[in-house]
Every structure is written in C-alpha cells, then in structure tokens.
Amino acid sequence: MMMKRFLTVLMVSACTIVAHAQYQAGDTFVYPRIGFSIANLTNNNIYYSLDNQRVESKAKAGLAVGVEVERFVSNPLSLSVGLMYANQGCKFPDFGIDDKENKTFWNVEGQKTTLHYLQLPVLANLYVADGLALKAGVAFGYLLKANQYGTENEGVIEDDGLYTIKTSNDLSGNMNDFYRKFDFSIPIGVSYEYMGIVLDLRYHLGLTRVTKIVDNCKTSALTFTLGYQFEL
C-alpha cells in the first residue's frame, strides 16, 4: 500500500514537466538533511496463542539525518552519494489474552523494534523541471544497534470488570543477535529545490532479509527530509 501511494506521487510529478533546470555539467552541491522516516518490516507477525492468534507489525516514525553530495554529469542528469542515519524498525498494537473463566489476563503493551542504520545511498537524479528531480538508485545499510521495547503484564479481572495488574515485566533489551548487520534497498523518490531549500521524499524498497529468524522480513520505509543546498 505504501509503495502504491508513493508511485502515484511520482507519476503526478512526472506529468508536471515544464522546463529543465539550469544546471551545468560539473556543478557540485552538498546537502545537509534532516527529517523523519516512516518504516515497517514486511511479513513480521507475533503469534501469541495456541490457536495462532497474531498481530501484524505497523509502521513507526523515526529520525533521519545526514549529508549528500551531488555532481552534475550533464543537464539534466546528476549523480549523488550520501551518508545518512536512519531510525527504522516497526511497532505492534497491544495484544493479549483474557481468561474470563478464571478471571485472569495477560497482555503486552507498547512493543516496538528500533533499528539504527547508517546508510550509504547512491542515486541518479533526473531534473524534469526547474528544481524538480526524479531519483532512483541503491542504498547500503549497516546496522549500528537493534533494540526492543515493551511491557508484559499479568493480572486479574475483578468482579466489576476492572483489570488489575499483579506482575509487570519489562521487555526492553538489546536485539543485535537477532538482526543481520547489512541491509540493501532500492530508493526511488522525488525532490524539489527552491531558493536553496530542498524537500526530498523517498521510498526504500528492501531487498535483503533483515532478521536472522523470520523469512522474507524486509525493510519498507518512506523518508522525508528537509535540506539546504551549498555549492562547492
């Protein structure tokens, strides 16, 4: 769904072509960037009962910050390389089991996985109008740290229907051993520059398996950044 919506944005951008930007071969720019990513992990479910009740992971927001260098090889084509930090991962809805017969309950609240990546994006940028560029390329990610957060509760259901927690367990911890160190994705996107300010929107399609224990679990992330253009 995220991918379909993003492709629609690209198609609309491509249909608004009015004139090529005024860049020349050899022009070089540097862009500090800061923004956020909305990321999820595909095919990532938690099964929590004997009859295979499950919850699916949802997208979570995180920081995205870094710098890119862009050099024009012609008008309107340029190549860029960057170094970006991206806070990705996923989160889960609260889930649990109510045993009304025995008046007990068990649940998990606030569970999420945070993956801290250092990414090296390499892109080709095609300027289809003044300041408007369509872009695609590859991105190499290195996992700096993986963390899990959440709280597990057990308790009783009172006669008046209230839930009283008796024990609570912190699920937070280091998850480095469960995730692969390297991630490879294809970013496609669109950017717009006006008076040196650059808005950049990219969708990262993950191609490699992220975890060591779940098959076909890959990154899916939409990243929005705001940058400033400095000419070198």
Protein backbone atom coordinates (compact mmCIF):
# COMPACT_ATOMS: atom_id res chain seq x y z
CA MET A 1 0.00 0.00 0.00
CA MET A 2 2.80 2.44 0.92
CA MET A 3 4.57 1.63 -2.35
CA LYS A 4 1.42 2.19 -4.48
CA ARG A 5 0.76 5.60 -2.94
CA PHE A 6 4.34 6.67 -3.47
CA LEU A 7 4.34 5.62 -7.14
CA THR A 8 1.22 7.74 -7.60
CA VAL A 9 3.13 10.77 -6.29
CA LEU A 10 5.96 10.10 -8.76
CA MET A 11 3.55 9.81 -11.69
CA VAL A 12 1.90 13.11 -10.81
CA SER A 13 5.34 14.75 -10.55
CA ALA A 14 6.39 13.43 -13.94
CA CYS A 15 3.24 14.87 -15.52
CA THR A 16 4.08 18.41 -14.36
CA ILE A 17 7.21 18.80 -16.52
CA VAL A 18 7.61 22.40 -17.66
CA ALA A 19 11.31 23.11 -18.22
CA HIS A 20 14.73 21.68 -17.45
CA ALA A 21 16.71 23.09 -14.57
CA GLN A 22 19.60 25.45 -15.29
CA TYR A 23 22.45 23.25 -14.02
CA GLN A 24 25.66 22.58 -15.97
CA ALA A 25 27.96 19.56 -16.16
CA GLY A 26 30.49 19.75 -13.33
CA ASP A 27 28.26 21.69 -10.93
CA THR A 28 28.67 20.18 -7.45
CA PHE A 29 26.49 20.69 -4.38
CA VAL A 30 26.39 19.45 -0.80
CA TYR A 31 23.11 18.98 1.10
CA PRO A 32 22.82 18.60 4.89
CA ARG A 33 19.47 16.92 5.50
CA ILE A 34 17.18 16.27 8.47
CA GLY A 35 13.74 14.72 8.64
CA PHE A 36 11.98 11.50 9.52
CA SER A 37 11.21 8.06 8.17
CA ILE A 38 8.03 6.01 8.46
CA ALA A 39 9.24 2.42 8.43
CA ASN A 40 7.90 -1.09 8.80
CA LEU A 41 9.17 -4.65 8.44
CA THR A 42 7.28 -6.83 5.96
CA ASN A 43 5.91 -10.28 6.87
CA ASN A 44 6.57 -9.58 10.55
CA ASN A 45 3.94 -11.09 12.86
CA ILE A 46 3.69 -12.12 16.51
CA TYR A 47 1.75 -15.33 17.27
CA TYR A 48 0.60 -15.35 20.88
CA SER A 49 -1.88 -18.18 21.44
CA LEU A 50 -2.28 -21.88 20.82
CA ASP A 51 -4.86 -21.22 18.09
CA ASN A 52 -2.42 -18.94 16.21
CA GLN A 53 -3.89 -15.58 17.10
CA ARG A 54 -1.50 -12.97 15.77
CA VAL A 55 -0.79 -9.28 15.40
CA GLU A 56 0.97 -7.73 12.40
CA SER A 57 3.64 -5.08 12.72
CA LYS A 58 2.78 -1.46 11.94
CA ALA A 59 4.86 1.44 10.67
CA LYS A 60 6.72 3.62 13.17
CA ALA A 61 8.29 7.05 12.80
CA GLY A 62 11.96 7.78 13.44
CA LEU A 63 14.71 10.32 12.85
CA ALA A 64 16.54 10.60 9.52
CA VAL A 65 19.58 12.88 9.25
CA GLY A 66 22.74 13.10 7.16
CA VAL A 67 24.51 14.73 4.24
CA GLU A 68 24.71 14.14 0.47
CA VAL A 69 26.99 15.35 -2.29
CA GLU A 70 25.61 15.79 -5.82
CA ARG A 71 27.56 16.31 -9.06
CA PHE A 72 26.04 17.00 -12.46
CA VAL A 73 27.30 14.89 -15.35
CA SER A 74 25.09 16.77 -17.82
CA ASN A 75 21.98 18.88 -17.92
CA PRO A 76 19.63 17.45 -16.63
CA LEU A 77 21.38 14.39 -15.07
CA SER A 78 23.36 14.20 -11.83
CA LEU A 79 24.76 11.56 -9.50
CA SER A 80 24.72 11.77 -5.72
CA VAL A 81 26.20 9.87 -2.78
CA GLY A 82 25.35 10.36 0.86
CA LEU A 83 25.84 9.23 4.43
CA MET A 84 22.59 9.04 6.38
CA TYR A 85 21.47 7.90 9.82
CA ALA A 86 18.00 6.32 9.80
CA ASN A 87 15.91 5.19 12.77
CA GLN A 88 13.73 2.38 11.40
CA GLY A 89 12.00 -0.79 12.58
CA CYS A 90 8.34 -1.31 13.46
CA LYS A 91 5.77 -1.31 16.25
CA PHE A 92 2.90 -3.59 17.28
CA PRO A 93 -0.62 -2.97 18.53
CA ASP A 94 -1.20 -4.01 22.13
CA PHE A 95 -2.29 -7.65 22.33
CA GLY A 96 -3.18 -10.25 24.93
CA ILE A 97 -5.47 -13.00 26.22
CA ASP A 98 -8.42 -12.63 28.57
CA ASP A 99 -9.31 -15.77 30.54
CA LYS A 100 -12.71 -14.70 31.82
CA GLU A 101 -13.45 -18.17 33.21
CA ASN A 102 -10.51 -17.93 35.61
CA LYS A 103 -10.70 -14.12 35.82
CA THR A 104 -7.11 -13.61 34.70
CA PHE A 105 -5.47 -11.78 31.82
CA TRP A 106 -2.13 -11.46 30.08
CA ASN A 107 -1.09 -8.73 27.65
CA VAL A 108 1.81 -6.94 26.00
CA GLU A 109 1.79 -3.16 25.65
CA GLY A 110 3.93 -0.75 23.66
CA GLN A 111 6.04 -3.35 21.87
CA LYS A 112 8.29 -1.95 19.17
CA THR A 113 11.59 -2.66 17.48
CA THR A 114 14.03 0.15 16.77
CA LEU A 115 16.78 -0.41 14.20
CA HIS A 116 19.54 2.20 14.00
CA TYR A 117 21.07 2.20 10.50
CA LEU A 118 23.96 4.03 8.88
CA GLN A 119 23.11 4.20 5.18
CA LEU A 120 25.10 4.95 2.04
CA PRO A 121 22.66 5.98 -0.73
CA VAL A 122 23.93 6.25 -4.33
CA LEU A 123 21.40 7.79 -6.73
CA ALA A 124 20.91 9.06 -10.25
CA ASN A 125 18.83 12.28 -10.36
CA LEU A 126 16.92 13.40 -13.44
CA TYR A 127 15.78 17.04 -13.38
CA VAL A 128 12.49 17.23 -15.25
CA ALA A 129 11.66 20.84 -14.33
CA ASP A 130 13.26 23.79 -12.54
CA GLY A 131 14.33 22.37 -9.19
CA LEU A 132 12.24 19.20 -9.62
CA ALA A 133 14.12 15.89 -9.78
CA LEU A 134 13.13 12.25 -10.03
CA LYS A 135 15.66 9.89 -8.50
CA ALA A 136 16.49 6.21 -8.15
CA GLY A 137 19.46 4.18 -7.07
CA VAL A 138 20.73 1.81 -4.38
CA ALA A 139 21.32 2.16 -0.65
CA PHE A 140 23.66 0.11 1.52
CA GLY A 141 22.74 -0.04 5.20
CA TYR A 142 24.85 -1.06 8.21
CA LEU A 143 23.03 -1.87 11.45
CA LEU A 144 24.51 0.06 14.35
CA LYS A 145 22.12 -1.22 17.03
CA ALA A 146 18.82 -3.07 17.41
CA ASN A 147 16.57 -2.60 20.43
CA GLN A 148 13.21 -3.94 21.55
CA TYR A 149 10.80 -2.16 23.89
CA GLY A 150 7.55 -3.19 25.56
CA THR A 151 5.88 -4.28 28.77
CA GLU A 152 4.34 -7.67 29.60
CA ASN A 153 1.54 -7.66 32.18
CA GLU A 154 -0.33 -10.35 34.09
CA GLY A 155 -3.22 -9.80 36.43
CA VAL A 156 -6.79 -10.48 37.46
CA ILE A 157 -10.19 -9.39 36.18
CA GLU A 158 -12.21 -8.03 39.08
CA ASP A 159 -15.91 -8.74 39.61
CA ASP A 160 -16.71 -5.20 38.43
CA GLY A 161 -14.80 -5.82 35.17
CA LEU A 162 -11.72 -3.80 36.05
CA TYR A 163 -8.30 -5.19 35.14
CA THR A 164 -5.77 -5.21 37.98
CA ILE A 165 -2.12 -5.79 37.10
CA LYS A 166 -0.34 -8.09 39.54
CA THR A 167 3.02 -8.53 37.80
CA SER A 168 4.74 -6.49 35.10
CA ASN A 169 7.83 -7.42 33.10
CA ASP A 170 9.97 -5.00 31.07
CA LEU A 171 10.66 -6.50 27.62
CA SER A 172 13.23 -3.87 26.64
CA GLY A 173 16.61 -5.16 25.57
CA ASN A 174 19.37 -5.42 23.01
CA MET A 175 18.37 -7.42 19.91
CA ASN A 176 21.61 -7.23 17.91
CA ASP A 177 21.98 -11.02 17.76
CA PHE A 178 18.61 -11.40 16.00
CA TYR A 179 19.22 -8.97 13.11
CA ARG A 180 21.57 -9.02 10.16
CA LYS A 181 24.27 -6.37 10.01
CA PHE A 182 23.81 -5.39 6.36
CA ASP A 183 20.71 -4.22 4.52
CA PHE A 184 20.34 -3.47 0.82
CA SER A 185 17.47 -1.43 -0.59
CA ILE A 186 16.38 0.45 -3.70
CA PRO A 187 15.38 4.06 -3.02
CA ILE A 188 13.15 5.85 -5.52
CA GLY A 189 11.96 9.36 -4.96
CA VAL A 190 11.35 12.95 -5.88
CA SER A 191 12.88 16.22 -4.65
CA TYR A 192 12.20 19.89 -5.14
CA GLU A 193 14.67 22.76 -4.63
CA TYR A 194 13.59 26.39 -4.20
CA MET A 195 15.97 29.17 -3.15
CA GLY A 196 18.40 26.61 -1.76
CA ILE A 197 15.85 24.76 0.35
CA VAL A 198 15.32 21.16 -0.77
CA LEU A 199 12.35 18.92 0.04
CA ASP A 200 13.10 15.24 -0.57
CA LEU A 201 10.72 12.27 -0.46
CA ARG A 202 11.94 8.68 -0.97
CA TYR A 203 10.56 5.19 -0.72
CA HIS A 204 13.08 2.49 0.27
CA LEU A 205 12.22 -0.96 -1.05
CA GLY A 206 14.20 -3.52 0.96
CA LEU A 207 15.68 -6.41 -0.99
CA THR A 208 17.53 -8.34 1.72
CA ARG A 209 16.24 -10.25 4.72
CA VAL A 210 16.53 -8.13 7.86
CA THR A 211 16.23 -10.70 10.65
CA LYS A 212 18.02 -13.98 11.21
CA ILE A 213 14.89 -15.83 12.32
CA VAL A 214 11.99 -14.60 10.11
CA ASP A 215 12.00 -15.43 6.41
CA ASN A 216 11.17 -12.72 3.87
CA CYS A 217 11.20 -9.97 6.51
CA LYS A 218 12.41 -6.85 4.71
CA THR A 219 12.55 -3.10 5.19
CA SER A 220 9.80 -0.85 3.83
CA ALA A 221 10.38 2.84 4.57
CA LEU A 222 9.17 6.23 3.41
CA THR A 223 11.65 9.02 4.21
CA PHE A 224 11.01 12.76 4.15
CA THR A 225 13.87 15.22 4.66
CA LEU A 226 14.42 18.96 4.51
CA GLY A 227 17.86 20.09 3.32
CA TYR A 228 19.83 23.12 2.22
CA GLN A 229 21.90 23.43 -0.96
CA PHE A 230 25.52 24.61 -0.74
CA GLU A 231 27.55 24.91 -3.94
CA LEU A 232 31.14 23.64 -3.89
